[in-house]
Amino acid sequence: MSSGNVKTFIPPRRVLMGPGPSDVPSRVLEAISRPTLGHLDPAFADMMEELKGLLRYAFKTKNTVTFPVSGPGSVGMETCFVNLINPGDKVIVCRNGVFGGRMIENVERCGGSAVVVEDAWGTAVDPNKLADALRANPDTKIVAFVHAETSTGALSDAKTLCEIAKRHNCLTIVDAVTFVGRLATQGR
Protein backbone atom coordinates (compact mmCIF):
# COMPACT_ATOMS: atom_id res chain seq x y z
CA MET A 1 0.00 0.00 0.00
CA SER A 2 1.39 3.40 -0.86
CA SER A 3 1.26 6.31 1.55
CA GLY A 4 -1.17 8.05 -0.81
CA ASN A 5 -3.83 5.44 0.11
CA VAL A 6 -3.62 5.95 3.90
CA LYS A 7 -6.73 7.60 5.34
CA THR A 8 -7.21 9.32 8.66
CA PHE A 9 -9.08 7.00 11.00
CA ILE A 10 -12.03 8.62 12.71
CA PRO A 11 -13.71 6.11 15.03
CA PRO A 12 -17.51 5.98 14.99
CA ARG A 13 -19.41 7.04 18.13
CA ARG A 14 -20.32 4.03 20.25
CA VAL A 15 -21.83 3.51 23.69
CA LEU A 16 -19.47 1.12 25.44
CA MET A 17 -21.27 -1.01 28.02
CA GLY A 18 -18.58 -3.53 29.03
CA PRO A 19 -16.17 -3.46 31.98
CA GLY A 20 -13.62 -1.69 29.78
CA PRO A 21 -12.77 0.16 27.73
CA SER A 22 -15.41 2.66 28.74
CA ASP A 23 -16.76 5.87 27.27
CA VAL A 24 -14.62 8.93 27.89
CA PRO A 25 -16.62 11.95 29.09
CA SER A 26 -16.40 15.02 26.85
CA ARG A 27 -14.77 17.08 29.65
CA VAL A 28 -11.94 14.52 29.76
CA LEU A 29 -11.54 14.56 25.99
CA GLU A 30 -11.33 18.35 26.15
CA ALA A 31 -8.74 18.18 28.95
CA ILE A 32 -6.47 15.81 27.03
CA SER A 33 -6.51 18.14 24.04
CA ARG A 34 -4.57 20.71 26.10
CA PRO A 35 -0.78 21.13 25.79
CA THR A 36 1.43 18.39 27.20
CA LEU A 37 3.78 19.13 30.08
CA GLY A 38 6.95 17.22 30.77
CA HIS A 39 7.20 15.25 34.01
CA LEU A 40 9.94 17.61 35.28
CA ASP A 41 7.92 20.79 34.67
CA PRO A 42 7.14 22.59 37.97
CA ALA A 43 3.46 22.88 36.98
CA PHE A 44 3.32 19.11 36.46
CA ALA A 45 5.01 18.49 39.83
CA ASP A 46 2.47 20.75 41.57
CA MET A 47 -0.43 18.98 39.88
CA MET A 48 0.99 15.56 40.81
CA GLU A 49 1.33 16.55 44.48
CA GLU A 50 -2.28 17.73 44.51
CA LEU A 51 -3.41 14.47 42.88
CA LYS A 52 -1.46 12.39 45.39
CA GLY A 53 -3.15 14.31 48.21
CA LEU A 54 -6.56 13.64 46.71
CA LEU A 55 -5.75 9.93 46.39
CA ARG A 56 -4.69 9.79 50.06
CA TYR A 57 -8.00 11.45 50.96
CA ALA A 58 -10.02 9.01 48.81
CA PHE A 59 -8.20 5.94 50.19
CA LYS A 60 -8.17 7.30 53.76
CA THR A 61 -4.42 6.96 54.19
CA LYS A 62 -1.56 9.23 55.21
CA ASN A 63 0.98 7.12 53.30
CA THR A 64 3.17 9.55 51.34
CA VAL A 65 3.95 6.98 48.64
CA THR A 66 0.34 6.90 47.46
CA PHE A 67 0.52 7.74 43.77
CA PRO A 68 -1.34 7.11 40.50
CA VAL A 69 -0.12 4.57 37.97
CA SER A 70 -0.96 5.38 34.37
CA GLY A 71 -2.39 2.25 32.79
CA PRO A 72 -4.87 -0.55 33.37
CA GLY A 73 -5.12 -2.34 36.70
CA SER A 74 -2.68 -4.99 35.50
CA VAL A 75 0.03 -2.31 35.29
CA GLY A 76 -0.56 -1.44 38.93
CA MET A 77 -0.47 -5.11 39.85
CA GLU A 78 2.81 -5.67 38.05
CA THR A 79 4.28 -2.51 39.60
CA CYS A 80 3.70 -4.02 43.03
CA PHE A 81 5.21 -7.40 42.18
CA VAL A 82 8.36 -6.15 40.46
CA ASN A 83 9.09 -3.75 43.30
CA LEU A 84 8.47 -6.15 46.18
CA ILE A 85 9.66 -9.57 45.00
CA ASN A 86 13.27 -10.66 44.82
CA PRO A 87 14.35 -13.86 43.06
CA GLY A 88 13.72 -16.79 45.38
CA ASP A 89 11.09 -15.06 47.52
CA LYS A 90 8.15 -17.25 48.43
CA VAL A 91 4.76 -15.68 47.69
CA ILE A 92 1.40 -17.22 48.52
CA VAL A 93 -1.11 -16.35 45.80
CA CYS A 94 -4.80 -16.98 46.32
CA ARG A 95 -6.42 -17.83 43.00
CA ASN A 96 -10.16 -17.89 42.47
CA GLY A 97 -10.27 -16.41 38.95
CA VAL A 98 -8.33 -14.97 36.03
CA PHE A 99 -6.57 -12.17 37.90
CA GLY A 100 -5.30 -14.48 40.65
CA GLY A 101 -3.72 -16.44 37.80
CA ARG A 102 -2.14 -13.25 36.51
CA MET A 103 -0.63 -12.73 39.96
CA ILE A 104 1.02 -16.15 39.75
CA GLU A 105 2.53 -15.20 36.37
CA ASN A 106 3.93 -11.99 37.90
CA VAL A 107 5.54 -13.87 40.79
CA GLU A 108 7.20 -16.31 38.39
CA ARG A 109 8.43 -13.55 36.04
CA CYS A 110 10.06 -11.87 39.05
CA GLY A 111 11.88 -15.09 39.94
CA GLY A 112 9.74 -15.76 43.00
CA SER A 113 8.25 -19.05 44.06
CA ALA A 114 4.45 -19.06 43.93
CA VAL A 115 2.56 -21.18 46.44
CA VAL A 116 -1.01 -21.32 45.15
CA VAL A 117 -4.04 -21.38 47.41
CA GLU A 118 -6.77 -22.53 45.04
CA ASP A 119 -10.47 -21.83 45.46
CA ALA A 120 -13.21 -22.57 42.96
CA TRP A 121 -13.83 -19.78 40.49
CA GLY A 122 -16.80 -17.76 41.64
CA THR A 123 -16.19 -18.39 45.34
CA ALA A 124 -14.40 -16.21 47.87
CA VAL A 125 -10.87 -17.02 49.02
CA ASP A 126 -11.10 -19.33 52.04
CA PRO A 127 -9.21 -17.67 54.94
CA ASN A 128 -8.58 -21.10 56.52
CA LYS A 129 -6.75 -22.28 53.40
CA LEU A 130 -4.54 -19.18 53.54
CA ALA A 131 -3.78 -19.74 57.23
CA ASP A 132 -2.91 -23.39 56.52
CA ALA A 133 -0.62 -22.39 53.63
CA LEU A 134 1.19 -19.84 55.82
CA ARG A 135 1.73 -22.42 58.57
CA ALA A 136 3.10 -24.86 55.97
CA ASN A 137 5.33 -22.14 54.44
CA PRO A 138 6.74 -20.06 57.31
CA ASP A 139 9.35 -18.47 55.00
CA THR A 140 6.64 -16.70 52.95
CA LYS A 141 7.35 -13.00 52.33
CA ILE A 142 4.14 -11.87 50.61
CA VAL A 143 0.48 -12.87 50.34
CA ALA A 144 -1.34 -11.81 47.18
CA PHE A 145 -5.03 -11.99 46.34
CA VAL A 146 -7.80 -10.28 44.41
CA HIS A 147 -10.37 -8.56 46.60
CA ALA A 148 -13.22 -8.66 44.08
CA GLU A 149 -12.31 -11.06 41.27
CA THR A 150 -13.51 -9.27 38.14
CA SER A 151 -13.70 -12.45 36.06
CA THR A 152 -16.22 -14.14 38.37
CA GLY A 153 -17.65 -11.47 40.68
CA ALA A 154 -16.40 -13.28 43.80
CA LEU A 155 -15.78 -10.93 46.74
CA SER A 156 -13.21 -12.10 49.30
CA ASP A 157 -12.83 -10.82 52.86
CA ALA A 158 -9.79 -8.58 52.37
CA LYS A 159 -9.64 -7.46 56.00
CA THR A 160 -9.47 -11.02 57.31
CA LEU A 161 -6.96 -12.16 54.67
CA CYS A 162 -4.69 -9.17 55.42
CA GLU A 163 -4.92 -9.81 59.17
CA ILE A 164 -3.87 -13.44 58.64
CA ALA A 165 -0.93 -12.34 56.49
CA LYS A 166 0.12 -9.74 59.08
CA ARG A 167 0.11 -12.36 61.86
CA HIS A 168 2.69 -14.23 59.77
CA ASN A 169 4.79 -11.08 59.13
CA CYS A 170 3.88 -10.98 55.45
CA LEU A 171 3.28 -8.03 53.21
CA THR A 172 0.11 -8.16 51.14
CA ILE A 173 -0.50 -7.30 47.52
CA VAL A 174 -4.23 -6.80 47.03
CA ASP A 175 -5.81 -6.24 43.63
CA ALA A 176 -8.74 -4.03 44.62
CA VAL A 177 -9.38 -2.46 41.21
CA THR A 178 -13.06 -3.39 41.03
CA PHE A 179 -13.91 -2.60 44.65
CA VAL A 180 -11.72 0.20 45.99
CA GLY A 181 -13.92 2.99 44.58
CA ARG A 182 -16.92 1.50 46.30
CA LEU A 183 -15.03 1.36 49.60
CA ALA A 184 -13.97 4.99 49.28
CA THR A 185 -17.53 6.15 48.63
CA GLN A 186 -18.88 4.12 51.55
CA GLY A 187 -16.43 5.68 54.01
CA ARG A 188 -14.45 2.49 54.68
C-alpha atoms as a PDB file:
ATOM      1  CA  MET A   1       0.000   0.000   0.000  1.00  0.00           C
ATOM      2  CA  SER A   2       1.394   3.400  -0.858  1.00  0.00           C
ATOM      3  CA  SER A   3       1.262   6.306   1.555  1.00  0.00           C
ATOM      4  CA  GLY A   4      -1.170   8.053  -0.806  1.00  0.00           C
ATOM      5  CA  ASN A   5      -3.833   5.437   0.105  1.00  0.00           C
ATOM      6  CA  VAL A   6      -3.623   5.951   3.896  1.00  0.00           C
ATOM      7  CA  LYS A   7      -6.731   7.598   5.344  1.00  0.00           C
ATOM      8  CA  THR A   8      -7.205   9.323   8.663  1.00  0.00           C
ATOM      9  CA  PHE A   9      -9.076   6.996  10.997  1.00  0.00           C
ATOM     10  CA  ILE A  10     -12.027   8.619  12.712  1.00  0.00           C
ATOM     11  CA  PRO A  11     -13.708   6.109  15.030  1.00  0.00           C
ATOM     12  CA  PRO A  12     -17.506   5.981  14.987  1.00  0.00           C
ATOM     13  CA  ARG A  13     -19.407   7.039  18.135  1.00  0.00           C
ATOM     14  CA  ARG A  14     -20.317   4.026  20.248  1.00  0.00           C
ATOM     15  CA  VAL A  15     -21.826   3.513  23.686  1.00  0.00           C
ATOM     16  CA  LEU A  16     -19.467   1.116  25.438  1.00  0.00           C
ATOM     17  CA  MET A  17     -21.266  -1.008  28.015  1.00  0.00           C
ATOM     18  CA  GLY A  18     -18.576  -3.530  29.029  1.00  0.00           C
ATOM     19  CA  PRO A  19     -16.169  -3.457  31.980  1.00  0.00           C
ATOM     20  CA  GLY A  20     -13.621  -1.691  29.776  1.00  0.00           C
ATOM     21  CA  PRO A  21     -12.774   0.155  27.732  1.00  0.00           C
ATOM     22  CA  SER A  22     -15.413   2.657  28.744  1.00  0.00           C
ATOM     23  CA  ASP A  23     -16.761   5.869  27.275  1.00  0.00           C
ATOM     24  CA  VAL A  24     -14.621   8.930  27.886  1.00  0.00           C
ATOM     25  CA  PRO A  25     -16.617  11.950  29.092  1.00  0.00           C
ATOM     26  CA  SER A  26     -16.403  15.022  26.855  1.00  0.00           C
ATOM     27  CA  ARG A  27     -14.768  17.082  29.651  1.00  0.00           C
ATOM     28  CA  VAL A  28     -11.943  14.517  29.765  1.00  0.00           C
ATOM     29  CA  LEU A  29     -11.535  14.564  25.985  1.00  0.00           C
ATOM     30  CA  GLU A  30     -11.331  18.351  26.153  1.00  0.00           C
ATOM     31  CA  ALA A  31      -8.743  18.178  28.946  1.00  0.00           C
ATOM     32  CA  ILE A  32      -6.473  15.815  27.031  1.00  0.00           C
ATOM     33  CA  SER A  33      -6.508  18.140  24.038  1.00  0.00           C
ATOM     34  CA  ARG A  34      -4.567  20.714  26.103  1.00  0.00           C
ATOM     35  CA  PRO A  35      -0.783  21.129  25.785  1.00  0.00           C
ATOM     36  CA  THR A  36       1.434  18.392  27.196  1.00  0.00           C
ATOM     37  CA  LEU A  37       3.778  19.133  30.081  1.00  0.00           C
ATOM     38  CA  GLY A  38       6.951  17.215  30.772  1.00  0.00           C
ATOM     39  CA  HIS A  39       7.200  15.249  34.009  1.00  0.00           C
ATOM     40  CA  LEU A  40       9.938  17.608  35.283  1.00  0.00           C
ATOM     41  CA  ASP A  41       7.916  20.791  34.674  1.00  0.00           C
ATOM     42  CA  PRO A  42       7.138  22.590  37.974  1.00  0.00           C
ATOM     43  CA  ALA A  43       3.456  22.880  36.981  1.00  0.00           C
ATOM     44  CA  PHE A  44       3.325  19.106  36.462  1.00  0.00           C
ATOM     45  CA  ALA A  45       5.012  18.492  39.835  1.00  0.00           C
ATOM     46  CA  ASP A  46       2.474  20.755  41.569  1.00  0.00           C
ATOM     47  CA  MET A  47      -0.432  18.976  39.880  1.00  0.00           C
ATOM     48  CA  MET A  48       0.989  15.558  40.814  1.00  0.00           C
ATOM     49  CA  GLU A  49       1.334  16.549  44.479  1.00  0.00           C
ATOM     50  CA  GLU A  50      -2.283  17.730  44.508  1.00  0.00           C
ATOM     51  CA  LEU A  51      -3.408  14.470  42.878  1.00  0.00           C
ATOM     52  CA  LYS A  52      -1.459  12.387  45.393  1.00  0.00           C
ATOM     53  CA  GLY A  53      -3.148  14.312  48.212  1.00  0.00           C
ATOM     54  CA  LEU A  54      -6.558  13.637  46.712  1.00  0.00           C
ATOM     55  CA  LEU A  55      -5.749   9.927  46.395  1.00  0.00           C
ATOM     56  CA  ARG A  56      -4.693   9.795  50.058  1.00  0.00           C
ATOM     57  CA  TYR A  57      -8.004  11.446  50.960  1.00  0.00           C
ATOM     58  CA  ALA A  58     -10.016   9.007  48.814  1.00  0.00           C
ATOM     59  CA  PHE A  59      -8.198   5.944  50.186  1.00  0.00           C
ATOM     60  CA  LYS A  60      -8.172   7.298  53.757  1.00  0.00           C
ATOM     61  CA  THR A  61      -4.418   6.961  54.188  1.00  0.00           C
ATOM     62  CA  LYS A  62      -1.555   9.226  55.214  1.00  0.00           C
ATOM     63  CA  ASN A  63       0.975   7.116  53.302  1.00  0.00           C
ATOM     64  CA  THR A  64       3.172   9.549  51.342  1.00  0.00           C
ATOM     65  CA  VAL A  65       3.951   6.983  48.635  1.00  0.00           C
ATOM     66  CA  THR A  66       0.337   6.897  47.459  1.00  0.00           C
ATOM     67  CA  PHE A  67       0.517   7.740  43.767  1.00  0.00           C
ATOM     68  CA  PRO A  68      -1.339   7.112  40.505  1.00  0.00           C
ATOM     69  CA  VAL A  69      -0.120   4.567  37.973  1.00  0.00           C
ATOM     70  CA  SER A  70      -0.955   5.382  34.372  1.00  0.00           C
ATOM     71  CA  GLY A  71      -2.386   2.254  32.785  1.00  0.00           C
ATOM     72  CA  PRO A  72      -4.867  -0.546  33.370  1.00  0.00           C
ATOM     73  CA  GLY A  73      -5.117  -2.341  36.700  1.00  0.00           C
ATOM     74  CA  SER A  74      -2.676  -4.989  35.497  1.00  0.00           C
ATOM     75  CA  VAL A  75       0.032  -2.307  35.285  1.00  0.00           C
ATOM     76  CA  GLY A  76      -0.559  -1.435  38.932  1.00  0.00           C
ATOM     77  CA  MET A  77      -0.474  -5.109  39.854  1.00  0.00           C
ATOM     78  CA  GLU A  78       2.808  -5.675  38.047  1.00  0.00           C
ATOM     79  CA  THR A  79       4.280  -2.508  39.600  1.00  0.00           C
ATOM     80  CA  CYS A  80       3.703  -4.018  43.031  1.00  0.00           C
ATOM     81  CA  PHE A  81       5.211  -7.397  42.178  1.00  0.00           C
ATOM     82  CA  VAL A  82       8.358  -6.148  40.456  1.00  0.00           C
ATOM     83  CA  ASN A  83       9.090  -3.745  43.301  1.00  0.00           C
ATOM     84  CA  LEU A  84       8.472  -6.146  46.181  1.00  0.00           C
ATOM     85  CA  ILE A  85       9.657  -9.573  44.999  1.00  0.00           C
ATOM     86  CA  ASN A  86      13.269 -10.663  44.824  1.00  0.00           C
ATOM     87  CA  PRO A  87      14.348 -13.857  43.063  1.00  0.00           C
ATOM     88  CA  GLY A  88      13.721 -16.791  45.376  1.00  0.00           C
ATOM     89  CA  ASP A  89      11.087 -15.056  47.515  1.00  0.00           C
ATOM     90  CA  LYS A  90       8.146 -17.246  48.430  1.00  0.00           C
ATOM     91  CA  VAL A  91       4.755 -15.682  47.687  1.00  0.00           C
ATOM     92  CA  ILE A  92       1.398 -17.217  48.525  1.00  0.00           C
ATOM     93  CA  VAL A  93      -1.105 -16.351  45.802  1.00  0.00           C
ATOM     94  CA  CYS A  94      -4.800 -16.981  46.324  1.00  0.00           C
ATOM     95  CA  ARG A  95      -6.415 -17.832  42.996  1.00  0.00           C
ATOM     96  CA  ASN A  96     -10.165 -17.889  42.466  1.00  0.00           C
ATOM     97  CA  GLY A  97     -10.274 -16.414  38.950  1.00  0.00           C
ATOM     98  CA  VAL A  98      -8.325 -14.966  36.025  1.00  0.00           C
ATOM     99  CA  PHE A  99      -6.567 -12.173  37.896  1.00  0.00           C
ATOM    100  CA  GLY A 100      -5.298 -14.480  40.648  1.00  0.00           C
ATOM    101  CA  GLY A 101      -3.723 -16.438  37.800  1.00  0.00           C
ATOM    102  CA  ARG A 102      -2.137 -13.251  36.507  1.00  0.00           C
ATOM    103  CA  MET A 103      -0.625 -12.732  39.963  1.00  0.00           C
ATOM    104  CA  ILE A 104       1.024 -16.154  39.746  1.00  0.00           C
ATOM    105  CA  GLU A 105       2.528 -15.203  36.371  1.00  0.00           C
ATOM    106  CA  ASN A 106       3.930 -11.994  37.896  1.00  0.00           C
ATOM    107  CA  VAL A 107       5.540 -13.874  40.788  1.00  0.00           C
ATOM    108  CA  GLU A 108       7.196 -16.313  38.391  1.00  0.00           C
ATOM    109  CA  ARG A 109       8.432 -13.547  36.041  1.00  0.00           C
ATOM    110  CA  CYS A 110      10.063 -11.866  39.051  1.00  0.00           C
ATOM    111  CA  GLY A 111      11.878 -15.092  39.941  1.00  0.00           C
ATOM    112  CA  GLY A 112       9.740 -15.757  42.995  1.00  0.00           C
ATOM    113  CA  SER A 113       8.251 -19.045  44.064  1.00  0.00           C
ATOM    114  CA  ALA A 114       4.445 -19.059  43.933  1.00  0.00           C
ATOM    115  CA  VAL A 115       2.559 -21.181  46.442  1.00  0.00           C
ATOM    116  CA  VAL A 116      -1.007 -21.318  45.146  1.00  0.00           C
ATOM    117  CA  VAL A 117      -4.044 -21.375  47.411  1.00  0.00           C
ATOM    118  CA  GLU A 118      -6.767 -22.529  45.043  1.00  0.00           C
ATOM    119  CA  ASP A 119     -10.470 -21.825  45.458  1.00  0.00           C
ATOM    120  CA  ALA A 120     -13.213 -22.575  42.965  1.00  0.00           C
ATOM    121  CA  TRP A 121     -13.832 -19.785  40.486  1.00  0.00           C
ATOM    122  CA  GLY A 122     -16.800 -17.756  41.637  1.00  0.00           C
ATOM    123  CA  THR A 123     -16.187 -18.393  45.336  1.00  0.00           C
ATOM    124  CA  ALA A 124     -14.405 -16.213  47.874  1.00  0.00           C
ATOM    125  CA  VAL A 125     -10.874 -17.018  49.023  1.00  0.00           C
ATOM    126  CA  ASP A 126     -11.096 -19.325  52.036  1.00  0.00           C
ATOM    127  CA  PRO A 127      -9.209 -17.672  54.939  1.00  0.00           C
ATOM    128  CA  ASN A 128      -8.582 -21.100  56.522  1.00  0.00           C
ATOM    129  CA  LYS A 129      -6.749 -22.279  53.396  1.00  0.00           C
ATOM    130  CA  LEU A 130      -4.542 -19.181  53.535  1.00  0.00           C
ATOM    131  CA  ALA A 131      -3.778 -19.737  57.230  1.00  0.00           C
ATOM    132  CA  ASP A 132      -2.906 -23.392  56.520  1.00  0.00           C
ATOM    133  CA  ALA A 133      -0.616 -22.391  53.628  1.00  0.00           C
ATOM    134  CA  LEU A 134       1.191 -19.844  55.817  1.00  0.00           C
ATOM    135  CA  ARG A 135       1.725 -22.417  58.572  1.00  0.00           C
ATOM    136  CA  ALA A 136       3.105 -24.856  55.971  1.00  0.00           C
ATOM    137  CA  ASN A 137       5.334 -22.143  54.435  1.00  0.00           C
ATOM    138  CA  PRO A 138       6.740 -20.057  57.307  1.00  0.00           C
ATOM    139  CA  ASP A 139       9.350 -18.474  54.999  1.00  0.00           C
ATOM    140  CA  THR A 140       6.643 -16.704  52.950  1.00  0.00           C
ATOM    141  CA  LYS A 141       7.353 -13.004  52.326  1.00  0.00           C
ATOM    142  CA  ILE A 142       4.140 -11.865  50.608  1.00  0.00           C
ATOM    143  CA  VAL A 143       0.484 -12.873  50.339  1.00  0.00           C
ATOM    144  CA  ALA A 144      -1.336 -11.808  47.179  1.00  0.00           C
ATOM    145  CA  PHE A 145      -5.030 -11.993  46.339  1.00  0.00           C
ATOM    146  CA  VAL A 146      -7.802 -10.282  44.406  1.00  0.00           C
ATOM    147  CA  HIS A 147     -10.369  -8.555  46.599  1.00  0.00           C
ATOM    148  CA  ALA A 148     -13.225  -8.659  44.080  1.00  0.00           C
ATOM    149  CA  GLU A 149     -12.312 -11.061  41.269  1.00  0.00           C
ATOM    150  CA  THR A 150     -13.513  -9.268  38.139  1.00  0.00           C
ATOM    151  CA  SER A 151     -13.704 -12.447  36.062  1.00  0.00           C
ATOM    152  CA  THR A 152     -16.223 -14.140  38.373  1.00  0.00           C
ATOM    153  CA  GLY A 153     -17.649 -11.472  40.680  1.00  0.00           C
ATOM    154  CA  ALA A 154     -16.400 -13.284  43.798  1.00  0.00           C
ATOM    155  CA  LEU A 155     -15.778 -10.931  46.744  1.00  0.00           C
ATOM    156  CA  SER A 156     -13.205 -12.098  49.303  1.00  0.00           C
ATOM    157  CA  ASP A 157     -12.832 -10.820  52.859  1.00  0.00           C
ATOM    158  CA  ALA A 158      -9.793  -8.583  52.372  1.00  0.00           C
ATOM    159  CA  LYS A 159      -9.641  -7.460  55.999  1.00  0.00           C
ATOM    160  CA  THR A 160      -9.472 -11.024  57.308  1.00  0.00           C
ATOM    161  CA  LEU A 161      -6.960 -12.159  54.671  1.00  0.00           C
ATOM    162  CA  CYS A 162      -4.689  -9.168  55.417  1.00  0.00           C
ATOM    163  CA  GLU A 163      -4.917  -9.814  59.174  1.00  0.00           C
ATOM    164  CA  ILE A 164      -3.868 -13.435  58.645  1.00  0.00           C
ATOM    165  CA  ALA A 165      -0.927 -12.340  56.489  1.00  0.00           C
ATOM    166  CA  LYS A 166       0.123  -9.745  59.077  1.00  0.00           C
ATOM    167  CA  ARG A 167       0.111 -12.358  61.861  1.00  0.00           C
ATOM    168  CA  HIS A 168       2.689 -14.233  59.765  1.00  0.00           C
ATOM    169  CA  ASN A 169       4.792 -11.083  59.131  1.00  0.00           C
ATOM    170  CA  CYS A 170       3.883 -10.984  55.455  1.00  0.00           C
ATOM    171  CA  LEU A 171       3.282  -8.028  53.213  1.00  0.00           C
ATOM    172  CA  THR A 172       0.105  -8.156  51.138  1.00  0.00           C
ATOM    173  CA  ILE A 173      -0.500  -7.303  47.515  1.00  0.00           C
ATOM    174  CA  VAL A 174      -4.227  -6.796  47.029  1.00  0.00           C
ATOM    175  CA  ASP A 175      -5.812  -6.235  43.629  1.00  0.00           C
ATOM    176  CA  ALA A 176      -8.738  -4.026  44.625  1.00  0.00           C
ATOM    177  CA  VAL A 177      -9.381  -2.463  41.214  1.00  0.00           C
ATOM    178  CA  THR A 178     -13.061  -3.392  41.029  1.00  0.00           C
ATOM    179  CA  PHE A 179     -13.909  -2.604  44.645  1.00  0.00           C
ATOM    180  CA  VAL A 180     -11.717   0.202  45.990  1.00  0.00           C
ATOM    181  CA  GLY A 181     -13.916   2.992  44.583  1.00  0.00           C
ATOM    182  CA  ARG A 182     -16.919   1.499  46.304  1.00  0.00           C
ATOM    183  CA  LEU A 183     -15.034   1.358  49.602  1.00  0.00           C
ATOM    184  CA  ALA A 184     -13.971   4.993  49.280  1.00  0.00           C
ATOM    185  CA  THR A 185     -17.532   6.149  48.626  1.00  0.00           C
ATOM    186  CA  GLN A 186     -18.877   4.121  51.554  1.00  0.00           C
ATOM    187  CA  GLY A 187     -16.429   5.682  54.005  1.00  0.00           C
ATOM    188  CA  ARG A 188     -14.446   2.488  54.682  1.00  0.00           C
END
